[in-house]
Amino acid sequence: MKIERVTGNAIPLLLDDLDTDRIIPARYLRCVTFDGLGEHVFEDDRKQAPYHEFDDPRFKGAKILIVGRNFGCGSSREHAPQALQRFGIEAIVGESFAEIFFGNCTALGLPCMRASHADVRKLGEAILTNPQLTLTVDLVAQNVRYADATGEVSVPCSMADGPRLALVTGEFDFLAQLLAGESQIREKAAALPYMTNFA
């Protein structure tokens, strides 16, 4: 599946250094599958702040998350991007991302685009002004677009070429690549004597 752009409304969560334990608390790491993790994303923060952005009805159904600097730092748990994706987040735009978190997101098909501090704040302010604002995160053009009272607005954003191209070509999905080559795998396995001639 190619991921060239994501369109939808957004949640502004403009905090720095949000670590993976805050994204999904450690007690949920014991799960056997990732099913149901979405309902627990930012659970402890949401309990402490009754008006947390992830509970704010203005942002219900958001597909895009706008964050600050060093998002996803801390432990390298895959559960954090899994929880965000299962909550409904399909793209993240922020100042910077922890390296392992970024890699885990890319492997799941969850793009993380970088933008300047000023542009992240500009996006956050636009969303707060109009919580139903529709944004398009474009991995091909490397920008975030929306229309407001002033007209069409384009905010530059970027992602390293390797992971970005993996997403826009669909090559991030290694399981799909493996399944697409099933006939060649079976053919090769049939030709290997240690796969067919067990004594």
N, C-alpha and C. Protein backbone atom coordinates (compact mmCIF):
# COMPACT_ATOMS: atom_id res chain seq x y z
N MET A 1 0.83 -1.18 0.00
CA MET A 1 0.00 0.00 0.00
C MET A 1 0.88 1.25 0.00
N LYS A 2 0.69 2.10 -0.99
CA LYS A 2 1.45 3.34 -1.07
C LYS A 2 0.83 4.40 -0.16
N ILE A 3 1.67 5.15 0.52
CA ILE A 3 1.19 6.26 1.35
C ILE A 3 1.82 7.54 0.81
N GLU A 4 1.06 8.25 -0.01
CA GLU A 4 1.57 9.48 -0.62
C GLU A 4 1.09 10.72 0.11
N ARG A 5 -0.12 10.66 0.64
CA ARG A 5 -0.65 11.81 1.38
C ARG A 5 -1.74 11.33 2.34
N VAL A 6 -1.92 12.10 3.40
CA VAL A 6 -2.96 11.83 4.40
C VAL A 6 -3.77 13.11 4.56
N THR A 7 -5.08 13.00 4.45
CA THR A 7 -5.97 14.17 4.58
C THR A 7 -6.96 13.94 5.71
N GLY A 8 -7.13 14.95 6.55
CA GLY A 8 -8.09 14.86 7.64
C GLY A 8 -7.89 16.01 8.61
N ASN A 9 -8.68 16.02 9.68
CA ASN A 9 -8.48 17.04 10.70
C ASN A 9 -7.39 16.57 11.66
N ALA A 10 -7.01 17.42 12.60
CA ALA A 10 -5.79 17.16 13.38
C ALA A 10 -5.98 17.45 14.86
N ILE A 11 -5.07 16.85 15.65
CA ILE A 11 -4.98 17.12 17.08
C ILE A 11 -3.69 17.90 17.32
N PRO A 12 -3.75 19.09 17.90
CA PRO A 12 -2.52 19.81 18.25
C PRO A 12 -2.06 19.42 19.66
N LEU A 13 -0.91 18.80 19.76
CA LEU A 13 -0.36 18.39 21.05
C LEU A 13 1.07 18.94 21.11
N LEU A 14 1.18 20.25 21.26
CA LEU A 14 2.45 20.93 21.07
C LEU A 14 3.31 20.93 22.33
N LEU A 15 3.72 19.73 22.72
CA LEU A 15 4.59 19.56 23.87
C LEU A 15 5.89 18.92 23.40
N ASP A 16 6.98 19.23 24.08
CA ASP A 16 8.28 18.65 23.75
C ASP A 16 8.57 17.44 24.63
N ASP A 17 9.41 16.54 24.11
CA ASP A 17 9.93 15.41 24.88
C ASP A 17 8.84 14.49 25.42
N LEU A 18 7.80 14.26 24.64
CA LEU A 18 6.77 13.30 25.05
C LEU A 18 7.30 11.89 24.80
N ASP A 19 7.55 11.16 25.89
CA ASP A 19 8.19 9.85 25.74
C ASP A 19 7.17 8.74 25.52
N THR A 20 7.70 7.57 25.15
CA THR A 20 6.81 6.45 24.80
C THR A 20 6.02 5.95 26.00
N ASP A 21 6.52 6.14 27.21
CA ASP A 21 5.75 5.71 28.39
C ASP A 21 4.53 6.59 28.60
N ARG A 22 4.62 7.84 28.18
CA ARG A 22 3.44 8.70 28.25
C ARG A 22 2.47 8.38 27.11
N ILE A 23 3.03 8.03 25.95
CA ILE A 23 2.16 7.68 24.82
C ILE A 23 1.35 6.43 25.14
N ILE A 24 2.02 5.40 25.67
CA ILE A 24 1.31 4.19 26.11
C ILE A 24 2.01 3.68 27.37
N PRO A 25 1.34 3.74 28.52
CA PRO A 25 1.97 3.36 29.78
C PRO A 25 2.51 1.92 29.78
N ALA A 26 3.57 1.69 30.55
CA ALA A 26 4.29 0.42 30.55
C ALA A 26 3.40 -0.77 30.88
N ARG A 27 2.35 -0.59 31.66
CA ARG A 27 1.51 -1.74 32.05
C ARG A 27 0.83 -2.38 30.84
N TYR A 28 0.77 -1.66 29.72
CA TYR A 28 0.14 -2.23 28.52
C TYR A 28 1.13 -2.98 27.63
N LEU A 29 2.39 -3.08 28.06
CA LEU A 29 3.39 -3.80 27.28
C LEU A 29 3.21 -5.31 27.42
N ARG A 30 2.39 -5.76 28.35
CA ARG A 30 2.19 -7.19 28.56
C ARG A 30 1.17 -7.80 27.60
N CYS A 31 0.58 -6.97 26.75
CA CYS A 31 -0.46 -7.46 25.85
C CYS A 31 0.12 -8.47 24.87
N VAL A 32 -0.70 -9.43 24.46
CA VAL A 32 -0.29 -10.45 23.51
C VAL A 32 -0.40 -9.93 22.08
N THR A 33 -1.43 -9.13 21.82
CA THR A 33 -1.58 -8.47 20.53
C THR A 33 -1.69 -6.96 20.78
N PHE A 34 -1.64 -6.18 19.72
CA PHE A 34 -1.76 -4.74 19.85
C PHE A 34 -3.22 -4.27 19.83
N ASP A 35 -4.14 -5.20 19.65
CA ASP A 35 -5.56 -4.84 19.59
C ASP A 35 -5.98 -4.12 20.88
N GLY A 36 -6.74 -3.07 20.74
CA GLY A 36 -7.26 -2.35 21.89
C GLY A 36 -6.32 -1.32 22.49
N LEU A 37 -5.08 -1.23 21.98
CA LEU A 37 -4.13 -0.26 22.55
C LEU A 37 -4.57 1.18 22.30
N GLY A 38 -5.29 1.42 21.22
CA GLY A 38 -5.70 2.77 20.87
C GLY A 38 -6.48 3.47 21.97
N GLU A 39 -7.31 2.73 22.68
CA GLU A 39 -8.12 3.37 23.72
C GLU A 39 -7.29 3.77 24.94
N HIS A 40 -6.05 3.27 25.03
CA HIS A 40 -5.21 3.58 26.19
C HIS A 40 -4.11 4.59 25.87
N VAL A 41 -4.08 5.12 24.64
CA VAL A 41 -3.05 6.08 24.28
C VAL A 41 -3.13 7.30 25.19
N PHE A 42 -2.01 7.73 25.72
CA PHE A 42 -1.91 8.85 26.66
C PHE A 42 -2.84 8.67 27.87
N GLU A 43 -3.07 7.44 28.28
CA GLU A 43 -4.06 7.19 29.33
C GLU A 43 -3.78 7.93 30.63
N ASP A 44 -2.54 7.85 31.10
CA ASP A 44 -2.24 8.51 32.39
C ASP A 44 -2.33 10.02 32.28
N ASP A 45 -1.85 10.57 31.18
CA ASP A 45 -1.98 12.02 30.96
C ASP A 45 -3.45 12.41 30.91
N ARG A 46 -4.26 11.60 30.26
CA ARG A 46 -5.68 11.92 30.12
C ARG A 46 -6.41 11.86 31.46
N LYS A 47 -5.97 10.98 32.33
CA LYS A 47 -6.58 10.91 33.67
C LYS A 47 -6.22 12.13 34.50
N GLN A 48 -5.02 12.63 34.32
CA GLN A 48 -4.55 13.78 35.11
C GLN A 48 -5.07 15.10 34.56
N ALA A 49 -5.37 15.12 33.25
CA ALA A 49 -5.83 16.36 32.63
C ALA A 49 -7.19 16.10 31.98
N PRO A 50 -8.26 16.44 32.64
CA PRO A 50 -9.59 16.12 32.11
C PRO A 50 -9.90 16.76 30.76
N TYR A 51 -9.11 17.75 30.37
CA TYR A 51 -9.33 18.40 29.07
C TYR A 51 -8.21 18.07 28.10
N HIS A 52 -7.66 16.86 28.22
CA HIS A 52 -6.57 16.44 27.33
C HIS A 52 -7.05 16.47 25.88
N GLU A 53 -6.14 16.83 24.99
CA GLU A 53 -6.47 16.96 23.56
C GLU A 53 -7.05 15.68 22.98
N PHE A 54 -6.63 14.52 23.46
CA PHE A 54 -7.14 13.26 22.92
C PHE A 54 -8.56 12.94 23.39
N ASP A 55 -9.06 13.71 24.36
CA ASP A 55 -10.45 13.57 24.81
C ASP A 55 -11.32 14.74 24.36
N ASP A 56 -10.71 15.72 23.73
CA ASP A 56 -11.42 16.93 23.34
C ASP A 56 -12.34 16.62 22.16
N PRO A 57 -13.65 16.80 22.32
CA PRO A 57 -14.58 16.48 21.22
C PRO A 57 -14.33 17.30 19.96
N ARG A 58 -13.66 18.44 20.08
CA ARG A 58 -13.37 19.24 18.90
C ARG A 58 -12.45 18.50 17.92
N PHE A 59 -11.64 17.58 18.45
CA PHE A 59 -10.66 16.89 17.61
C PHE A 59 -11.04 15.44 17.34
N LYS A 60 -12.28 15.10 17.63
CA LYS A 60 -12.72 13.71 17.44
C LYS A 60 -12.56 13.30 15.98
N GLY A 61 -12.04 12.09 15.78
CA GLY A 61 -11.86 11.56 14.44
C GLY A 61 -10.63 12.07 13.72
N ALA A 62 -9.75 12.75 14.44
CA ALA A 62 -8.54 13.31 13.81
C ALA A 62 -7.64 12.21 13.27
N LYS A 63 -7.04 12.47 12.13
CA LYS A 63 -6.11 11.52 11.50
C LYS A 63 -4.66 12.00 11.60
N ILE A 64 -4.47 13.28 11.92
CA ILE A 64 -3.14 13.87 11.91
C ILE A 64 -2.83 14.40 13.30
N LEU A 65 -1.60 14.16 13.77
CA LEU A 65 -1.17 14.63 15.09
C LEU A 65 -0.04 15.64 14.88
N ILE A 66 -0.18 16.80 15.50
CA ILE A 66 0.84 17.84 15.43
C ILE A 66 1.54 17.88 16.79
N VAL A 67 2.86 17.70 16.80
CA VAL A 67 3.60 17.58 18.06
C VAL A 67 4.81 18.51 18.06
N GLY A 68 5.48 18.58 19.21
CA GLY A 68 6.65 19.44 19.36
C GLY A 68 7.95 18.73 19.02
N ARG A 69 8.94 18.94 19.87
CA ARG A 69 10.30 18.45 19.63
C ARG A 69 10.54 17.12 20.35
N ASN A 70 11.31 16.22 19.73
CA ASN A 70 11.77 14.97 20.34
C ASN A 70 10.60 14.06 20.72
N PHE A 71 9.61 13.98 19.86
CA PHE A 71 8.42 13.15 20.15
C PHE A 71 8.80 11.67 20.06
N GLY A 72 8.34 10.89 21.03
CA GLY A 72 8.59 9.45 21.04
C GLY A 72 9.92 9.06 21.64
N CYS A 73 10.51 9.93 22.46
CA CYS A 73 11.77 9.60 23.11
C CYS A 73 11.53 8.55 24.19
N GLY A 74 12.59 8.10 24.83
CA GLY A 74 12.45 7.10 25.89
C GLY A 74 12.63 5.69 25.35
N SER A 75 11.98 4.74 25.96
CA SER A 75 12.16 3.33 25.58
C SER A 75 11.66 3.09 24.16
N SER A 76 12.18 2.05 23.55
CA SER A 76 11.97 1.82 22.12
C SER A 76 10.74 0.97 21.82
N ARG A 77 9.72 1.04 22.64
CA ARG A 77 8.56 0.16 22.49
C ARG A 77 7.76 0.44 21.21
N GLU A 78 7.50 -0.62 20.46
CA GLU A 78 6.67 -0.52 19.26
C GLU A 78 5.22 -0.20 19.64
N HIS A 79 4.86 -0.48 20.88
CA HIS A 79 3.50 -0.24 21.33
C HIS A 79 3.06 1.21 21.17
N ALA A 80 4.01 2.16 21.24
CA ALA A 80 3.65 3.58 21.16
C ALA A 80 3.08 3.93 19.78
N PRO A 81 3.79 3.67 18.67
CA PRO A 81 3.16 3.96 17.38
C PRO A 81 1.96 3.07 17.10
N GLN A 82 1.97 1.85 17.60
CA GLN A 82 0.82 0.96 17.42
C GLN A 82 -0.42 1.58 18.08
N ALA A 83 -0.26 2.12 19.29
CA ALA A 83 -1.39 2.72 20.00
C ALA A 83 -1.91 3.95 19.27
N LEU A 84 -0.99 4.80 18.79
CA LEU A 84 -1.40 5.99 18.05
C LEU A 84 -2.16 5.61 16.78
N GLN A 85 -1.62 4.63 16.06
CA GLN A 85 -2.27 4.21 14.81
C GLN A 85 -3.63 3.60 15.09
N ARG A 86 -3.75 2.83 16.14
CA ARG A 86 -5.03 2.19 16.46
C ARG A 86 -6.03 3.19 17.04
N PHE A 87 -5.55 4.32 17.53
CA PHE A 87 -6.45 5.41 17.92
C PHE A 87 -7.05 6.08 16.69
N GLY A 88 -6.32 6.00 15.57
CA GLY A 88 -6.81 6.60 14.33
C GLY A 88 -5.84 7.56 13.68
N ILE A 89 -4.67 7.74 14.30
CA ILE A 89 -3.66 8.66 13.74
C ILE A 89 -3.00 8.01 12.52
N GLU A 90 -2.97 8.76 11.41
CA GLU A 90 -2.39 8.25 10.16
C GLU A 90 -1.15 9.01 9.73
N ALA A 91 -0.85 10.14 10.38
CA ALA A 91 0.37 10.91 10.07
C ALA A 91 0.68 11.80 11.27
N ILE A 92 1.98 12.05 11.48
CA ILE A 92 2.43 12.92 12.56
C ILE A 92 3.34 13.98 11.97
N VAL A 93 3.13 15.22 12.39
CA VAL A 93 4.00 16.32 11.98
C VAL A 93 4.56 16.95 13.25
N GLY A 94 5.89 17.08 13.31
CA GLY A 94 6.50 17.64 14.50
C GLY A 94 7.87 18.23 14.20
N GLU A 95 8.45 18.82 15.23
CA GLU A 95 9.79 19.42 15.06
C GLU A 95 10.86 18.35 14.89
N SER A 96 10.78 17.29 15.70
CA SER A 96 11.74 16.19 15.59
C SER A 96 11.17 14.96 16.30
N PHE A 97 11.76 13.81 15.97
CA PHE A 97 11.28 12.53 16.49
C PHE A 97 12.46 11.71 16.99
N ALA A 98 12.23 10.94 18.05
CA ALA A 98 13.25 10.01 18.51
C ALA A 98 13.49 8.98 17.41
N GLU A 99 14.75 8.60 17.22
CA GLU A 99 15.12 7.78 16.06
C GLU A 99 14.41 6.42 16.01
N ILE A 100 14.37 5.70 17.14
CA ILE A 100 13.74 4.38 17.12
C ILE A 100 12.24 4.50 16.94
N PHE A 101 11.62 5.49 17.59
CA PHE A 101 10.20 5.73 17.40
C PHE A 101 9.90 6.00 15.93
N PHE A 102 10.72 6.84 15.31
CA PHE A 102 10.54 7.17 13.89
C PHE A 102 10.61 5.89 13.04
N GLY A 103 11.60 5.05 13.32
CA GLY A 103 11.74 3.79 12.57
C GLY A 103 10.56 2.86 12.76
N ASN A 104 10.07 2.76 14.00
CA ASN A 104 8.89 1.93 14.26
C ASN A 104 7.67 2.46 13.53
N CYS A 105 7.52 3.78 13.48
CA CYS A 105 6.39 4.39 12.76
C CYS A 105 6.48 4.07 11.27
N THR A 106 7.66 4.25 10.69
CA THR A 106 7.83 3.99 9.26
C THR A 106 7.49 2.55 8.94
N ALA A 107 7.92 1.61 9.78
CA ALA A 107 7.66 0.19 9.54
C ALA A 107 6.16 -0.12 9.57
N LEU A 108 5.39 0.71 10.26
CA LEU A 108 3.93 0.52 10.35
C LEU A 108 3.18 1.30 9.27
N GLY A 109 3.89 2.13 8.52
CA GLY A 109 3.21 2.98 7.54
C GLY A 109 2.61 4.22 8.15
N LEU A 110 3.25 4.71 9.21
CA LEU A 110 2.79 5.92 9.91
C LEU A 110 3.83 7.02 9.69
N PRO A 111 3.64 7.89 8.69
CA PRO A 111 4.65 8.90 8.37
C PRO A 111 4.83 9.94 9.47
N CYS A 112 6.10 10.28 9.71
CA CYS A 112 6.47 11.33 10.67
C CYS A 112 7.22 12.40 9.89
N MET A 113 6.58 13.54 9.65
CA MET A 113 7.17 14.62 8.88
C MET A 113 7.68 15.71 9.81
N ARG A 114 8.86 16.25 9.50
CA ARG A 114 9.46 17.31 10.31
C ARG A 114 9.15 18.68 9.73
N ALA A 115 8.89 19.62 10.63
CA ALA A 115 8.67 21.01 10.25
C ALA A 115 9.38 21.90 11.26
N SER A 116 9.61 23.14 10.90
CA SER A 116 10.30 24.07 11.80
C SER A 116 9.42 24.38 13.01
N HIS A 117 10.07 24.89 14.07
CA HIS A 117 9.33 25.28 15.27
C HIS A 117 8.22 26.27 14.92
N ALA A 118 8.56 27.27 14.13
CA ALA A 118 7.57 28.30 13.76
C ALA A 118 6.41 27.69 12.98
N ASP A 119 6.70 26.77 12.07
CA ASP A 119 5.64 26.19 11.25
C ASP A 119 4.76 25.22 12.05
N VAL A 120 5.37 24.50 12.99
CA VAL A 120 4.57 23.63 13.88
C VAL A 120 3.61 24.49 14.69
N ARG A 121 4.10 25.61 15.22
CA ARG A 121 3.23 26.52 15.99
C ARG A 121 2.14 27.10 15.09
N LYS A 122 2.50 27.42 13.87
CA LYS A 122 1.52 27.97 12.92
C LYS A 122 0.40 26.95 12.66
N LEU A 123 0.77 25.68 12.49
CA LEU A 123 -0.23 24.64 12.30
C LEU A 123 -1.11 24.50 13.54
N GLY A 124 -0.49 24.50 14.72
CA GLY A 124 -1.25 24.38 15.95
C GLY A 124 -2.25 25.51 16.13
N GLU A 125 -1.83 26.72 15.83
CA GLU A 125 -2.72 27.88 15.95
C GLU A 125 -3.87 27.80 14.95
N ALA A 126 -3.57 27.35 13.74
CA ALA A 126 -4.62 27.23 12.72
C ALA A 126 -5.67 26.21 13.14
N ILE A 127 -5.22 25.11 13.76
CA ILE A 127 -6.15 24.07 14.20
C ILE A 127 -6.98 24.56 15.38
N LEU A 128 -6.35 25.27 16.30
CA LEU A 128 -7.11 25.79 17.44
C LEU A 128 -8.13 26.84 17.00
N THR A 129 -7.80 27.61 15.98
CA THR A 129 -8.75 28.59 15.44
C THR A 129 -9.93 27.90 14.80
N ASN A 130 -9.65 26.80 14.10
CA ASN A 130 -10.71 26.02 13.44
C ASN A 130 -10.43 24.54 13.63
N PRO A 131 -10.97 23.94 14.73
CA PRO A 131 -10.68 22.54 15.02
C PRO A 131 -11.09 21.56 13.93
N GLN A 132 -11.99 21.95 13.07
CA GLN A 132 -12.40 21.06 11.97
C GLN A 132 -11.63 21.34 10.68
N LEU A 133 -10.56 22.09 10.79
CA LEU A 133 -9.72 22.40 9.64
C LEU A 133 -9.21 21.10 9.00
N THR A 134 -9.33 21.01 7.69
CA THR A 134 -8.83 19.84 6.97
C THR A 134 -7.42 20.11 6.47
N LEU A 135 -6.50 19.24 6.87
CA LEU A 135 -5.10 19.34 6.46
C LEU A 135 -4.78 18.19 5.52
N THR A 136 -3.83 18.42 4.63
CA THR A 136 -3.28 17.35 3.80
C THR A 136 -1.78 17.30 4.04
N VAL A 137 -1.32 16.18 4.57
CA VAL A 137 0.12 15.94 4.73
C VAL A 137 0.57 15.23 3.46
N ASP A 138 1.39 15.89 2.67
CA ASP A 138 1.79 15.38 1.36
C ASP A 138 3.25 14.93 1.41
N LEU A 139 3.46 13.61 1.34
CA LEU A 139 4.81 13.07 1.40
C LEU A 139 5.57 13.29 0.10
N VAL A 140 4.84 13.41 -1.01
CA VAL A 140 5.47 13.61 -2.31
C VAL A 140 5.96 15.05 -2.44
N ALA A 141 5.05 16.00 -2.18
CA ALA A 141 5.41 17.42 -2.27
C ALA A 141 6.15 17.92 -1.04
N GLN A 142 6.14 17.12 0.04
CA GLN A 142 6.76 17.46 1.32
C GLN A 142 6.24 18.79 1.85
N ASN A 143 4.93 18.82 2.04
CA ASN A 143 4.31 19.98 2.67
C ASN A 143 3.03 19.57 3.37
N VAL A 144 2.50 20.49 4.16
CA VAL A 144 1.17 20.34 4.77
C VAL A 144 0.34 21.50 4.23
N ARG A 145 -0.81 21.16 3.67
CA ARG A 145 -1.66 22.19 3.06
C ARG A 145 -3.00 22.27 3.77
N TYR A 146 -3.54 23.47 3.80
CA TYR A 146 -4.89 23.69 4.30
C TYR A 146 -5.38 25.02 3.76
N ALA A 147 -6.67 25.24 3.87
CA ALA A 147 -7.26 26.52 3.44
C ALA A 147 -7.90 27.18 4.66
N ASP A 148 -7.59 28.46 4.85
CA ASP A 148 -8.23 29.21 5.92
C ASP A 148 -8.81 30.50 5.34
N ALA A 149 -9.17 31.42 6.20
CA ALA A 149 -9.81 32.67 5.74
C ALA A 149 -8.92 33.48 4.81
N THR A 150 -7.60 33.26 4.90
CA THR A 150 -6.68 34.01 4.04
C THR A 150 -6.45 33.33 2.68
N GLY A 151 -6.93 32.08 2.54
CA GLY A 151 -6.74 31.34 1.29
C GLY A 151 -5.97 30.06 1.52
N GLU A 152 -5.33 29.57 0.46
CA GLU A 152 -4.57 28.32 0.54
C GLU A 152 -3.24 28.57 1.26
N VAL A 153 -2.92 27.69 2.20
CA VAL A 153 -1.68 27.80 2.96
C VAL A 153 -0.88 26.51 2.77
N SER A 154 0.42 26.65 2.53
CA SER A 154 1.31 25.49 2.38
C SER A 154 2.47 25.65 3.35
N VAL A 155 2.67 24.66 4.19
CA VAL A 155 3.74 24.67 5.19
C VAL A 155 4.75 23.61 4.78
N PRO A 156 6.02 23.98 4.59
CA PRO A 156 7.02 22.98 4.20
C PRO A 156 7.30 21.99 5.33
N CYS A 157 7.48 20.74 4.97
CA CYS A 157 7.89 19.72 5.93
C CYS A 157 8.77 18.72 5.19
N SER A 158 9.46 17.88 5.93
CA SER A 158 10.40 16.98 5.26
C SER A 158 10.51 15.66 6.00
N MET A 159 11.06 14.69 5.29
CA MET A 159 11.38 13.39 5.85
C MET A 159 12.59 12.88 5.07
N ALA A 160 13.48 12.17 5.72
CA ALA A 160 14.64 11.62 5.03
C ALA A 160 14.18 10.80 3.82
N ASP A 161 14.92 10.89 2.73
CA ASP A 161 14.50 10.27 1.47
C ASP A 161 14.24 8.78 1.57
N GLY A 162 15.10 8.04 2.29
CA GLY A 162 14.94 6.58 2.38
C GLY A 162 13.58 6.17 2.92
N PRO A 163 13.24 6.57 4.15
CA PRO A 163 11.93 6.19 4.69
C PRO A 163 10.76 6.81 3.92
N ARG A 164 10.95 8.04 3.43
CA ARG A 164 9.85 8.68 2.68
C ARG A 164 9.55 7.89 1.40
N LEU A 165 10.59 7.51 0.68
CA LEU A 165 10.38 6.74 -0.55
C LEU A 165 9.81 5.36 -0.25
N ALA A 166 10.21 4.76 0.86
CA ALA A 166 9.64 3.47 1.24
C ALA A 166 8.12 3.58 1.44
N LEU A 167 7.68 4.71 2.01
CA LEU A 167 6.24 4.92 2.23
C LEU A 167 5.51 5.21 0.93
N VAL A 168 6.05 6.10 0.10
CA VAL A 168 5.31 6.49 -1.11
C VAL A 168 5.31 5.40 -2.17
N THR A 169 6.26 4.45 -2.09
CA THR A 169 6.27 3.33 -3.04
C THR A 169 5.61 2.09 -2.46
N GLY A 170 5.31 2.12 -1.16
CA GLY A 170 4.70 0.96 -0.51
C GLY A 170 5.72 -0.08 -0.07
N GLU A 171 7.00 0.22 -0.20
CA GLU A 171 8.03 -0.76 0.14
C GLU A 171 8.32 -0.84 1.63
N PHE A 172 7.63 -0.04 2.44
CA PHE A 172 7.79 -0.13 3.89
C PHE A 172 7.17 -1.41 4.43
N ASP A 173 6.23 -1.99 3.68
CA ASP A 173 5.47 -3.15 4.14
C ASP A 173 6.19 -4.43 3.73
N PHE A 174 7.10 -4.88 4.59
CA PHE A 174 7.92 -6.04 4.26
C PHE A 174 7.11 -7.33 4.19
N LEU A 175 6.06 -7.44 4.98
CA LEU A 175 5.21 -8.63 4.92
C LEU A 175 4.51 -8.71 3.57
N ALA A 176 4.00 -7.56 3.09
CA ALA A 176 3.34 -7.55 1.78
C ALA A 176 4.33 -7.93 0.69
N GLN A 177 5.57 -7.47 0.80
CA GLN A 177 6.59 -7.84 -0.19
C GLN A 177 6.85 -9.33 -0.16
N LEU A 178 6.91 -9.89 1.04
CA LEU A 178 7.14 -11.33 1.18
C LEU A 178 5.98 -12.13 0.57
N LEU A 179 4.77 -11.71 0.87
CA LEU A 179 3.59 -12.42 0.34
C LEU A 179 3.50 -12.28 -1.18
N ALA A 180 3.92 -11.14 -1.71
CA ALA A 180 3.89 -10.94 -3.17
C ALA A 180 4.86 -11.89 -3.87
N GLY A 181 5.90 -12.30 -3.17
CA GLY A 181 6.88 -13.22 -3.76
C GLY A 181 6.65 -14.66 -3.38
N GLU A 182 5.43 -15.00 -2.94
CA GLU A 182 5.16 -16.35 -2.44
C GLU A 182 5.48 -17.44 -3.47
N SER A 183 5.11 -17.23 -4.72
CA SER A 183 5.35 -18.28 -5.73
C SER A 183 6.84 -18.52 -5.91
N GLN A 184 7.65 -17.46 -5.92
CA GLN A 184 9.10 -17.64 -6.07
C GLN A 184 9.70 -18.30 -4.84
N ILE A 185 9.17 -17.99 -3.67
CA ILE A 185 9.66 -18.60 -2.44
C ILE A 185 9.37 -20.10 -2.45
N ARG A 186 8.14 -20.46 -2.85
CA ARG A 186 7.78 -21.88 -2.90
C ARG A 186 8.63 -22.61 -3.95
N GLU A 187 8.86 -21.96 -5.08
CA GLU A 187 9.67 -22.57 -6.14
C GLU A 187 11.10 -22.82 -5.65
N LYS A 188 11.66 -21.84 -4.98
CA LYS A 188 13.02 -21.98 -4.45
C LYS A 188 13.08 -23.05 -3.38
N ALA A 189 12.09 -23.07 -2.49
CA ALA A 189 12.06 -24.07 -1.41
C ALA A 189 11.96 -25.47 -1.98
N ALA A 190 11.18 -25.65 -3.07
CA ALA A 190 11.02 -26.96 -3.69
C ALA A 190 12.32 -27.45 -4.32
N ALA A 191 13.18 -26.53 -4.70
CA ALA A 191 14.45 -26.89 -5.34
C ALA A 191 15.57 -27.18 -4.33
N LEU A 192 15.33 -26.90 -3.07
CA LEU A 192 16.35 -27.12 -2.04
C LEU A 192 16.21 -28.54 -1.48
N PRO A 193 17.26 -29.35 -1.61
CA PRO A 193 17.15 -30.74 -1.17
C PRO A 193 16.83 -30.88 0.32
N TYR A 194 17.34 -30.00 1.15
CA TYR A 194 17.08 -30.12 2.58
C TYR A 194 15.66 -29.67 2.94
N MET A 195 14.90 -29.12 1.99
CA MET A 195 13.51 -28.76 2.25
C MET A 195 12.53 -29.85 1.79
N THR A 196 13.01 -30.75 0.93
CA THR A 196 12.08 -31.75 0.38
C THR A 196 12.48 -33.19 0.61
N ASN A 197 13.76 -33.47 0.87
CA ASN A 197 14.20 -34.85 0.99
C ASN A 197 14.62 -35.21 2.42
N PHE A 198 13.65 -35.11 3.32
CA PHE A 198 13.94 -35.48 4.70
C PHE A 198 13.95 -37.00 4.81
N ALA A 199 14.92 -37.55 5.52
CA ALA A 199 15.02 -39.01 5.68
C ALA A 199 14.18 -39.46 6.88
